[in-house]
All heavy atoms as atom14 arrays in JSON, in Angstrom:
{
  "sequence": "ELRSGSVSIEGDWTGTVVVEAELESLRALARCMFEEAEVDESQLEDA",
  "atom14_mask": [
    [1, 1, 1, 1, 1, 1, 1, 1, 1, 0, 0, 0, 0, 0],
    [1, 1, 1, 1, 1, 1, 1, 1, 0, 0, 0, 0, 0, 0],
    [1, 1, 1, 1, 1, 1, 1, 1, 1, 1, 1, 0, 0, 0],
    [1, 1, 1, 1, 1, 1, 0, 0, 0, 0, 0, 0, 0, 0],
    [1, 1, 1, 1, 0, 0, 0, 0, 0, 0, 0, 0, 0, 0],
    [1, 1, 1, 1, 1, 1, 0, 0, 0, 0, 0, 0, 0, 0],
    [1, 1, 1, 1, 1, 1, 1, 0, 0, 0, 0, 0, 0, 0],
    [1, 1, 1, 1, 1, 1, 0, 0, 0, 0, 0, 0, 0, 0],
    [1, 1, 1, 1, 1, 1, 1, 1, 0, 0, 0, 0, 0, 0],
    [1, 1, 1, 1, 1, 1, 1, 1, 1, 0, 0, 0, 0, 0],
    [1, 1, 1, 1, 0, 0, 0, 0, 0, 0, 0, 0, 0, 0],
    [1, 1, 1, 1, 1, 1, 1, 1, 0, 0, 0, 0, 0, 0],
    [1, 1, 1, 1, 1, 1, 1, 1, 1, 1, 1, 1, 1, 1],
    [1, 1, 1, 1, 1, 1, 1, 0, 0, 0, 0, 0, 0, 0],
    [1, 1, 1, 1, 0, 0, 0, 0, 0, 0, 0, 0, 0, 0],
    [1, 1, 1, 1, 1, 1, 1, 0, 0, 0, 0, 0, 0, 0],
    [1, 1, 1, 1, 1, 1, 1, 0, 0, 0, 0, 0, 0, 0],
    [1, 1, 1, 1, 1, 1, 1, 0, 0, 0, 0, 0, 0, 0],
    [1, 1, 1, 1, 1, 1, 1, 0, 0, 0, 0, 0, 0, 0],
    [1, 1, 1, 1, 1, 1, 1, 1, 1, 0, 0, 0, 0, 0],
    [1, 1, 1, 1, 1, 0, 0, 0, 0, 0, 0, 0, 0, 0],
    [1, 1, 1, 1, 1, 1, 1, 1, 1, 0, 0, 0, 0, 0],
    [1, 1, 1, 1, 1, 1, 1, 1, 0, 0, 0, 0, 0, 0],
    [1, 1, 1, 1, 1, 1, 1, 1, 1, 0, 0, 0, 0, 0],
    [1, 1, 1, 1, 1, 1, 0, 0, 0, 0, 0, 0, 0, 0],
    [1, 1, 1, 1, 1, 1, 1, 1, 0, 0, 0, 0, 0, 0],
    [1, 1, 1, 1, 1, 1, 1, 1, 1, 1, 1, 0, 0, 0],
    [1, 1, 1, 1, 1, 0, 0, 0, 0, 0, 0, 0, 0, 0],
    [1, 1, 1, 1, 1, 1, 1, 1, 0, 0, 0, 0, 0, 0],
    [1, 1, 1, 1, 1, 0, 0, 0, 0, 0, 0, 0, 0, 0],
    [1, 1, 1, 1, 1, 1, 1, 1, 1, 1, 1, 0, 0, 0],
    [1, 1, 1, 1, 1, 1, 0, 0, 0, 0, 0, 0, 0, 0],
    [1, 1, 1, 1, 1, 1, 1, 1, 0, 0, 0, 0, 0, 0],
    [1, 1, 1, 1, 1, 1, 1, 1, 1, 1, 1, 0, 0, 0],
    [1, 1, 1, 1, 1, 1, 1, 1, 1, 0, 0, 0, 0, 0],
    [1, 1, 1, 1, 1, 1, 1, 1, 1, 0, 0, 0, 0, 0],
    [1, 1, 1, 1, 1, 0, 0, 0, 0, 0, 0, 0, 0, 0],
    [1, 1, 1, 1, 1, 1, 1, 1, 1, 0, 0, 0, 0, 0],
    [1, 1, 1, 1, 1, 1, 1, 0, 0, 0, 0, 0, 0, 0],
    [1, 1, 1, 1, 1, 1, 1, 1, 0, 0, 0, 0, 0, 0],
    [1, 1, 1, 1, 1, 1, 1, 1, 1, 0, 0, 0, 0, 0],
    [1, 1, 1, 1, 1, 1, 0, 0, 0, 0, 0, 0, 0, 0],
    [1, 1, 1, 1, 1, 1, 1, 1, 1, 0, 0, 0, 0, 0],
    [1, 1, 1, 1, 1, 1, 1, 1, 0, 0, 0, 0, 0, 0],
    [1, 1, 1, 1, 1, 1, 1, 1, 1, 0, 0, 0, 0, 0],
    [1, 1, 1, 1, 1, 1, 1, 1, 0, 0, 0, 0, 0, 0],
    [1, 1, 1, 1, 1, 0, 0, 0, 0, 0, 0, 0, 0, 0]
  ],
  "atom14_positions": [
    [[23.66, 79.97, -199.07], [24.89, 79.57, -199.37], [24.86, 78.36, -200.42], [25.06, 77.14, -200.07], [25.72, 78.97, -198.06], [26.07, 80.07, -197.07], [27.05, 81.0, -197.64], [28.02, 80.64, -198.37], [26.9, 82.29, -197.45], [0.0, 0.0, 0.0], [0.0, 0.0, 0.0], [0.0, 0.0, 0.0], [0.0, 0.0, 0.0], [0.0, 0.0, 0.0]],
    [[24.42, 78.6, -201.62], [24.4, 77.74, -202.64], [25.69, 77.64, -203.44], [26.15, 78.77, -203.88], [23.23, 78.06, -203.62], [21.73, 77.96, -202.99], [20.75, 78.32, -204.07], [21.46, 76.63, -202.6], [0.0, 0.0, 0.0], [0.0, 0.0, 0.0], [0.0, 0.0, 0.0], [0.0, 0.0, 0.0], [0.0, 0.0, 0.0], [0.0, 0.0, 0.0]],
    [[26.23, 76.55, -203.71], [27.38, 76.46, -204.49], [26.86, 76.29, -206.03], [25.84, 75.65, -206.3], [28.18, 75.26, -204.22], [28.6, 75.09, -202.81], [30.02, 75.65, -202.65], [30.54, 75.63, -201.26], [31.64, 75.02, -201.05], [32.37, 74.37, -201.87], [32.04, 75.03, -199.77], [0.0, 0.0, 0.0], [0.0, 0.0, 0.0], [0.0, 0.0, 0.0]],
    [[27.59, 76.89, -206.95], [27.02, 76.91, -208.31], [27.99, 76.54, -209.36], [29.25, 76.79, -209.22], [26.48, 78.29, -208.69], [27.54, 79.21, -208.71], [0.0, 0.0, 0.0], [0.0, 0.0, 0.0], [0.0, 0.0, 0.0], [0.0, 0.0, 0.0], [0.0, 0.0, 0.0], [0.0, 0.0, 0.0], [0.0, 0.0, 0.0], [0.0, 0.0, 0.0]],
    [[27.43, 75.84, -210.4], [28.23, 75.51, -211.61], [27.51, 75.9, -212.81], [26.24, 75.98, -212.7], [0.0, 0.0, 0.0], [0.0, 0.0, 0.0], [0.0, 0.0, 0.0], [0.0, 0.0, 0.0], [0.0, 0.0, 0.0], [0.0, 0.0, 0.0], [0.0, 0.0, 0.0], [0.0, 0.0, 0.0], [0.0, 0.0, 0.0], [0.0, 0.0, 0.0]],
    [[28.13, 76.16, -213.98], [27.33, 76.53, -215.14], [28.19, 75.83, -216.33], [29.37, 75.54, -216.41], [27.29, 78.03, -215.34], [28.6, 78.6, -215.55], [0.0, 0.0, 0.0], [0.0, 0.0, 0.0], [0.0, 0.0, 0.0], [0.0, 0.0, 0.0], [0.0, 0.0, 0.0], [0.0, 0.0, 0.0], [0.0, 0.0, 0.0], [0.0, 0.0, 0.0]],
    [[27.32, 75.67, -217.38], [27.82, 75.25, -218.72], [27.06, 76.22, -219.68], [25.92, 76.51, -219.6], [27.67, 73.76, -219.13], [28.55, 72.94, -218.25], [26.18, 73.37, -219.04], [0.0, 0.0, 0.0], [0.0, 0.0, 0.0], [0.0, 0.0, 0.0], [0.0, 0.0, 0.0], [0.0, 0.0, 0.0], [0.0, 0.0, 0.0], [0.0, 0.0, 0.0]],
    [[27.72, 76.44, -220.83], [27.04, 77.22, -221.98], [26.74, 76.15, -223.13], [27.51, 75.27, -223.34], [28.06, 78.33, -222.5], [28.29, 79.26, -221.5], [0.0, 0.0, 0.0], [0.0, 0.0, 0.0], [0.0, 0.0, 0.0], [0.0, 0.0, 0.0], [0.0, 0.0, 0.0], [0.0, 0.0, 0.0], [0.0, 0.0, 0.0], [0.0, 0.0, 0.0]],
    [[25.63, 76.61, -223.75], [25.17, 75.82, -224.91], [25.3, 76.89, -226.14], [24.7, 77.98, -225.97], [23.86, 75.23, -224.8], [23.85, 74.31, -223.59], [23.42, 74.6, -226.15], [22.37, 73.62, -223.31], [0.0, 0.0, 0.0], [0.0, 0.0, 0.0], [0.0, 0.0, 0.0], [0.0, 0.0, 0.0], [0.0, 0.0, 0.0], [0.0, 0.0, 0.0]],
    [[25.88, 76.52, -227.08], [26.05, 77.44, -228.34], [25.55, 76.8, -229.59], [26.03, 75.6, -229.72], [27.44, 78.03, -228.32], [27.71, 78.77, -227.04], [28.83, 79.85, -227.28], [29.14, 80.08, -228.43], [29.36, 80.33, -226.28], [0.0, 0.0, 0.0], [0.0, 0.0, 0.0], [0.0, 0.0, 0.0], [0.0, 0.0, 0.0], [0.0, 0.0, 0.0]],
    [[24.87, 77.46, -230.36], [24.42, 76.88, -231.65], [23.25, 77.74, -232.07], [23.31, 78.99, -231.92], [0.0, 0.0, 0.0], [0.0, 0.0, 0.0], [0.0, 0.0, 0.0], [0.0, 0.0, 0.0], [0.0, 0.0, 0.0], [0.0, 0.0, 0.0], [0.0, 0.0, 0.0], [0.0, 0.0, 0.0], [0.0, 0.0, 0.0], [0.0, 0.0, 0.0]],
    [[22.18, 77.15, -232.7], [21.11, 77.86, -233.12], [20.35, 78.61, -231.93], [19.77, 79.53, -232.03], [20.06, 77.02, -233.87], [20.58, 76.65, -235.3], [21.45, 77.42, -235.86], [20.02, 75.69, -235.87], [0.0, 0.0, 0.0], [0.0, 0.0, 0.0], [0.0, 0.0, 0.0], [0.0, 0.0, 0.0], [0.0, 0.0, 0.0], [0.0, 0.0, 0.0]],
    [[20.45, 77.84, -230.69], [20.02, 78.45, -229.42], [21.2, 78.53, -228.63], [22.0, 77.78, -228.53], [19.04, 77.62, -228.79], [18.57, 78.13, -227.53], [17.47, 79.03, -227.37], [19.1, 77.84, -226.22], [17.43, 79.37, -226.05], [18.3, 78.74, -225.35], [19.99, 76.92, -225.67], [18.56, 78.61, -223.88], [20.29, 77.01, -224.3], [19.56, 77.81, -223.47]],
    [[21.32, 79.74, -228.04], [22.56, 80.05, -227.18], [22.04, 80.26, -225.79], [21.13, 81.25, -225.7], [23.38, 81.08, -227.76], [23.81, 80.81, -229.08], [24.66, 81.36, -226.89], [0.0, 0.0, 0.0], [0.0, 0.0, 0.0], [0.0, 0.0, 0.0], [0.0, 0.0, 0.0], [0.0, 0.0, 0.0], [0.0, 0.0, 0.0], [0.0, 0.0, 0.0]],
    [[22.67, 79.73, -224.72], [22.25, 79.99, -223.37], [23.21, 79.38, -222.39], [24.24, 78.82, -222.74], [0.0, 0.0, 0.0], [0.0, 0.0, 0.0], [0.0, 0.0, 0.0], [0.0, 0.0, 0.0], [0.0, 0.0, 0.0], [0.0, 0.0, 0.0], [0.0, 0.0, 0.0], [0.0, 0.0, 0.0], [0.0, 0.0, 0.0], [0.0, 0.0, 0.0]],
    [[22.75, 79.4, -221.16], [23.6, 78.89, -219.97], [22.66, 78.14, -219.08], [21.72, 78.45, -218.75], [24.27, 79.93, -219.33], [24.99, 80.83, -220.11], [25.25, 79.59, -218.18], [0.0, 0.0, 0.0], [0.0, 0.0, 0.0], [0.0, 0.0, 0.0], [0.0, 0.0, 0.0], [0.0, 0.0, 0.0], [0.0, 0.0, 0.0], [0.0, 0.0, 0.0]],
    [[23.25, 77.02, -218.66], [22.64, 76.17, -217.61], [23.34, 76.31, -216.34], [24.58, 76.18, -216.27], [22.58, 74.71, -218.11], [21.99, 73.75, -216.96], [21.79, 74.55, -219.4], [0.0, 0.0, 0.0], [0.0, 0.0, 0.0], [0.0, 0.0, 0.0], [0.0, 0.0, 0.0], [0.0, 0.0, 0.0], [0.0, 0.0, 0.0], [0.0, 0.0, 0.0]],
    [[22.69, 76.55, -215.24], [23.33, 76.82, -213.97], [22.69, 75.75, -212.99], [21.44, 75.67, -212.89], [23.04, 78.14, -213.45], [23.6, 78.39, -212.03], [23.61, 79.19, -214.41], [0.0, 0.0, 0.0], [0.0, 0.0, 0.0], [0.0, 0.0, 0.0], [0.0, 0.0, 0.0], [0.0, 0.0, 0.0], [0.0, 0.0, 0.0], [0.0, 0.0, 0.0]],
    [[23.42, 75.03, -212.24], [23.01, 74.06, -211.23], [23.57, 74.6, -209.98], [24.87, 74.89, -209.81], [23.65, 72.72, -211.49], [23.18, 71.8, -210.31], [23.03, 72.24, -212.74], [0.0, 0.0, 0.0], [0.0, 0.0, 0.0], [0.0, 0.0, 0.0], [0.0, 0.0, 0.0], [0.0, 0.0, 0.0], [0.0, 0.0, 0.0], [0.0, 0.0, 0.0]],
    [[22.71, 74.85, -208.93], [23.16, 75.31, -207.58], [22.76, 74.34, -206.58], [21.53, 73.78, -206.7], [22.53, 76.69, -207.43], [22.87, 77.75, -208.26], [22.06, 79.07, -208.13], [20.94, 79.07, -208.69], [22.59, 79.97, -207.44], [0.0, 0.0, 0.0], [0.0, 0.0, 0.0], [0.0, 0.0, 0.0], [0.0, 0.0, 0.0], [0.0, 0.0, 0.0]],
    [[23.46, 74.17, -205.47], [23.14, 73.27, -204.48], [23.7, 73.65, -203.2], [24.91, 74.18, -203.11], [23.67, 71.8, -204.88], [0.0, 0.0, 0.0], [0.0, 0.0, 0.0], [0.0, 0.0, 0.0], [0.0, 0.0, 0.0], [0.0, 0.0, 0.0], [0.0, 0.0, 0.0], [0.0, 0.0, 0.0], [0.0, 0.0, 0.0], [0.0, 0.0, 0.0]],
    [[23.01, 73.33, -202.17], [23.59, 73.68, -200.82], [24.7, 72.74, -200.59], [24.78, 71.61, -201.11], [22.49, 73.48, -199.69], [21.4, 74.58, -199.72], [20.41, 74.48, -198.64], [19.86, 73.42, -198.46], [20.31, 75.54, -198.0], [0.0, 0.0, 0.0], [0.0, 0.0, 0.0], [0.0, 0.0, 0.0], [0.0, 0.0, 0.0], [0.0, 0.0, 0.0]],
    [[25.55, 73.07, -199.64], [26.79, 72.32, -199.41], [26.56, 70.95, -198.9], [27.22, 69.99, -199.44], [27.66, 73.12, -198.33], [28.99, 72.37, -197.88], [29.95, 72.2, -199.11], [29.62, 73.28, -196.78], [0.0, 0.0, 0.0], [0.0, 0.0, 0.0], [0.0, 0.0, 0.0], [0.0, 0.0, 0.0], [0.0, 0.0, 0.0], [0.0, 0.0, 0.0]],
    [[25.67, 70.68, -198.0], [25.32, 69.29, -197.65], [24.85, 68.4, -198.7], [25.11, 67.28, -198.86], [24.44, 69.27, -196.45], [24.97, 69.8, -195.17], [26.36, 69.09, -194.76], [26.41, 67.88, -194.77], [27.32, 69.73, -194.63], [0.0, 0.0, 0.0], [0.0, 0.0, 0.0], [0.0, 0.0, 0.0], [0.0, 0.0, 0.0], [0.0, 0.0, 0.0]],
    [[23.97, 68.99, -199.59], [23.59, 68.21, -200.76], [24.72, 67.88, -201.63], [24.88, 66.73, -202.11], [22.55, 69.11, -201.52], [22.2, 68.39, -202.76], [0.0, 0.0, 0.0], [0.0, 0.0, 0.0], [0.0, 0.0, 0.0], [0.0, 0.0, 0.0], [0.0, 0.0, 0.0], [0.0, 0.0, 0.0], [0.0, 0.0, 0.0], [0.0, 0.0, 0.0]],
    [[25.61, 68.88, -202.02], [26.72, 68.6, -202.72], [27.66, 67.55, -202.12], [28.27, 66.78, -202.73], [27.33, 70.02, -203.04], [28.62, 69.99, -203.94], [28.26, 69.3, -205.37], [29.2, 71.37, -204.11], [0.0, 0.0, 0.0], [0.0, 0.0, 0.0], [0.0, 0.0, 0.0], [0.0, 0.0, 0.0], [0.0, 0.0, 0.0], [0.0, 0.0, 0.0]],
    [[27.89, 67.76, -200.85], [28.81, 66.82, -200.09], [28.3, 65.35, -200.25], [29.06, 64.35, -200.42], [28.86, 67.15, -198.75], [29.83, 66.46, -197.91], [30.07, 66.87, -196.44], [31.03, 68.13, -196.6], [30.72, 69.3, -196.05], [29.66, 69.41, -195.26], [31.55, 70.24, -196.16], [0.0, 0.0, 0.0], [0.0, 0.0, 0.0], [0.0, 0.0, 0.0]],
    [[26.95, 65.11, -200.13], [26.36, 63.79, -200.27], [26.56, 63.3, -201.68], [26.93, 62.07, -201.83], [24.93, 63.85, -199.92], [0.0, 0.0, 0.0], [0.0, 0.0, 0.0], [0.0, 0.0, 0.0], [0.0, 0.0, 0.0], [0.0, 0.0, 0.0], [0.0, 0.0, 0.0], [0.0, 0.0, 0.0], [0.0, 0.0, 0.0], [0.0, 0.0, 0.0]],
    [[26.35, 64.11, -202.67], [26.46, 63.74, -204.0], [27.96, 63.33, -204.36], [28.31, 62.41, -205.0], [25.98, 64.78, -205.05], [24.47, 64.99, -204.89], [24.17, 66.31, -205.71], [23.72, 63.86, -205.35], [0.0, 0.0, 0.0], [0.0, 0.0, 0.0], [0.0, 0.0, 0.0], [0.0, 0.0, 0.0], [0.0, 0.0, 0.0], [0.0, 0.0, 0.0]],
    [[28.91, 64.13, -203.83], [30.36, 63.9, -204.07], [30.77, 62.64, -203.45], [31.54, 61.87, -203.96], [31.27, 65.12, -203.56], [0.0, 0.0, 0.0], [0.0, 0.0, 0.0], [0.0, 0.0, 0.0], [0.0, 0.0, 0.0], [0.0, 0.0, 0.0], [0.0, 0.0, 0.0], [0.0, 0.0, 0.0], [0.0, 0.0, 0.0], [0.0, 0.0, 0.0]],
    [[30.21, 62.31, -202.18], [30.54, 61.12, -201.49], [30.18, 59.87, -202.43], [30.87, 58.93, -202.47], [30.01, 61.05, -200.14], [30.76, 61.87, -199.07], [30.24, 61.6, -197.73], [28.86, 61.72, -197.47], [28.23, 62.74, -196.84], [29.0, 63.77, -196.47], [26.93, 62.84, -196.69], [0.0, 0.0, 0.0], [0.0, 0.0, 0.0], [0.0, 0.0, 0.0]],
    [[28.95, 59.92, -203.02], [28.51, 59.03, -203.88], [29.4, 58.77, -205.06], [29.85, 57.8, -205.47], [27.13, 59.15, -204.21], [26.44, 57.99, -205.41], [0.0, 0.0, 0.0], [0.0, 0.0, 0.0], [0.0, 0.0, 0.0], [0.0, 0.0, 0.0], [0.0, 0.0, 0.0], [0.0, 0.0, 0.0], [0.0, 0.0, 0.0], [0.0, 0.0, 0.0]],
    [[29.72, 59.95, -205.68], [30.56, 59.92, -206.97], [31.99, 59.37, -206.78], [32.41, 58.54, -207.48], [30.63, 61.24, -207.54], [29.36, 61.78, -208.03], [29.45, 63.49, -208.63], [30.16, 63.27, -210.28], [0.0, 0.0, 0.0], [0.0, 0.0, 0.0], [0.0, 0.0, 0.0], [0.0, 0.0, 0.0], [0.0, 0.0, 0.0], [0.0, 0.0, 0.0]],
    [[32.53, 59.76, -205.59], [33.93, 59.26, -205.26], [34.04, 58.07, -204.54], [35.12, 57.62, -204.17], [34.78, 60.54, -204.6], [34.83, 61.61, -205.69], [34.16, 62.79, -205.6], [35.79, 61.46, -206.65], [34.32, 63.95, -206.46], [36.01, 62.49, -207.66], [35.29, 63.62, -207.6], [0.0, 0.0, 0.0], [0.0, 0.0, 0.0], [0.0, 0.0, 0.0]],
    [[32.86, 57.46, -203.92], [32.79, 56.41, -203.12], [33.71, 56.58, -201.92], [34.57, 55.68, -201.74], [33.04, 55.15, -204.02], [32.02, 54.92, -205.04], [32.47, 53.72, -205.89], [33.58, 53.12, -205.8], [31.46, 53.25, -206.54], [0.0, 0.0, 0.0], [0.0, 0.0, 0.0], [0.0, 0.0, 0.0], [0.0, 0.0, 0.0], [0.0, 0.0, 0.0]],
    [[33.57, 57.74, -201.28], [34.38, 57.97, -200.07], [33.55, 58.51, -199.06], [32.54, 59.24, -199.28], [35.56, 58.95, -200.36], [36.55, 58.38, -201.45], [37.73, 59.39, -201.69], [37.87, 60.38, -200.98], [38.49, 59.2, -202.71], [0.0, 0.0, 0.0], [0.0, 0.0, 0.0], [0.0, 0.0, 0.0], [0.0, 0.0, 0.0], [0.0, 0.0, 0.0]],
    [[33.97, 58.28, -197.82], [33.23, 58.81, -196.71], [33.34, 60.25, -196.37], [32.45, 60.89, -196.0], [33.7, 57.95, -195.38], [0.0, 0.0, 0.0], [0.0, 0.0, 0.0], [0.0, 0.0, 0.0], [0.0, 0.0, 0.0], [0.0, 0.0, 0.0], [0.0, 0.0, 0.0], [0.0, 0.0, 0.0], [0.0, 0.0, 0.0], [0.0, 0.0, 0.0]],
    [[34.6, 60.76, -196.77], [34.81, 62.18, -196.72], [35.3, 62.67, -197.92], [36.06, 62.05, -198.61], [35.73, 62.47, -195.54], [35.29, 62.09, -194.18], [33.95, 62.97, -193.71], [33.94, 64.09, -194.09], [33.17, 62.35, -193.1], [0.0, 0.0, 0.0], [0.0, 0.0, 0.0], [0.0, 0.0, 0.0], [0.0, 0.0, 0.0], [0.0, 0.0, 0.0]],
    [[34.94, 63.97, -198.31], [35.42, 64.47, -199.6], [35.98, 65.96, -199.3], [35.66, 66.58, -198.31], [34.35, 64.66, -200.74], [33.91, 63.29, -201.2], [33.18, 65.42, -200.09], [0.0, 0.0, 0.0], [0.0, 0.0, 0.0], [0.0, 0.0, 0.0], [0.0, 0.0, 0.0], [0.0, 0.0, 0.0], [0.0, 0.0, 0.0], [0.0, 0.0, 0.0]],
    [[37.04, 66.33, -200.0], [37.58, 67.62, -199.85], [37.12, 68.58, -200.81], [36.22, 68.35, -201.59], [39.16, 67.52, -199.97], [39.72, 67.08, -201.31], [38.95, 67.31, -202.29], [40.81, 66.58, -201.38], [0.0, 0.0, 0.0], [0.0, 0.0, 0.0], [0.0, 0.0, 0.0], [0.0, 0.0, 0.0], [0.0, 0.0, 0.0], [0.0, 0.0, 0.0]],
    [[37.55, 69.87, -200.67], [37.0, 70.98, -201.5], [37.16, 70.61, -202.95], [36.2, 70.92, -203.74], [37.73, 72.22, -201.11], [37.16, 73.55, -201.72], [35.61, 73.81, -201.28], [35.29, 73.42, -200.27], [34.98, 74.34, -202.15], [0.0, 0.0, 0.0], [0.0, 0.0, 0.0], [0.0, 0.0, 0.0], [0.0, 0.0, 0.0], [0.0, 0.0, 0.0]],
    [[38.34, 70.17, -203.39], [38.55, 69.96, -204.81], [37.47, 68.9, -205.44], [37.07, 68.95, -206.51], [39.86, 69.58, -205.18], [40.29, 68.25, -204.69], [0.0, 0.0, 0.0], [0.0, 0.0, 0.0], [0.0, 0.0, 0.0], [0.0, 0.0, 0.0], [0.0, 0.0, 0.0], [0.0, 0.0, 0.0], [0.0, 0.0, 0.0], [0.0, 0.0, 0.0]],
    [[37.28, 67.82, -204.57], [36.18, 66.89, -204.9], [34.84, 67.51, -205.06], [34.12, 67.01, -205.87], [36.35, 65.63, -204.03], [37.54, 64.95, -204.08], [37.71, 63.87, -203.03], [37.59, 64.12, -201.91], [37.84, 62.55, -203.38], [0.0, 0.0, 0.0], [0.0, 0.0, 0.0], [0.0, 0.0, 0.0], [0.0, 0.0, 0.0], [0.0, 0.0, 0.0]],
    [[34.53, 68.33, -204.17], [33.17, 69.11, -204.12], [33.08, 69.78, -205.41], [32.01, 69.74, -206.15], [32.97, 69.92, -202.97], [32.89, 69.39, -201.58], [32.84, 70.45, -200.52], [31.65, 68.49, -201.52], [0.0, 0.0, 0.0], [0.0, 0.0, 0.0], [0.0, 0.0, 0.0], [0.0, 0.0, 0.0], [0.0, 0.0, 0.0], [0.0, 0.0, 0.0]],
    [[34.1, 70.5, -205.89], [34.17, 71.25, -207.21], [34.06, 70.31, -208.25], [33.34, 70.61, -209.26], [35.35, 72.15, -207.23], [35.28, 73.37, -206.35], [36.39, 74.34, -206.41], [37.28, 74.17, -207.38], [36.63, 75.23, -205.55], [0.0, 0.0, 0.0], [0.0, 0.0, 0.0], [0.0, 0.0, 0.0], [0.0, 0.0, 0.0], [0.0, 0.0, 0.0]],
    [[34.73, 69.32, -208.35], [34.82, 68.32, -209.36], [33.36, 67.66, -209.48], [32.83, 67.48, -210.64], [35.69, 67.23, -209.16], [37.24, 67.61, -209.31], [37.37, 68.82, -209.93], [38.05, 66.85, -209.11], [0.0, 0.0, 0.0], [0.0, 0.0, 0.0], [0.0, 0.0, 0.0], [0.0, 0.0, 0.0], [0.0, 0.0, 0.0], [0.0, 0.0, 0.0]],
    [[32.76, 67.35, -208.46], [31.31, 66.8, -208.43], [30.36, 67.73, -208.94], [29.6, 67.49, -209.79], [31.0, 66.35, -206.95], [0.0, 0.0, 0.0], [0.0, 0.0, 0.0], [0.0, 0.0, 0.0], [0.0, 0.0, 0.0], [0.0, 0.0, 0.0], [0.0, 0.0, 0.0], [0.0, 0.0, 0.0], [0.0, 0.0, 0.0], [0.0, 0.0, 0.0]]
  ]
}
């Protein structure tokens, strides 16, 4: 159950960067980013 995000890079080199993380990892990162003890689904996606 990895959550995933991607960004594209376009120019002389074209490709995609994908970052995937397990939910608990993402939850810990989101709590740090938002400085909150609990985060909701939209905050997980934003993080």
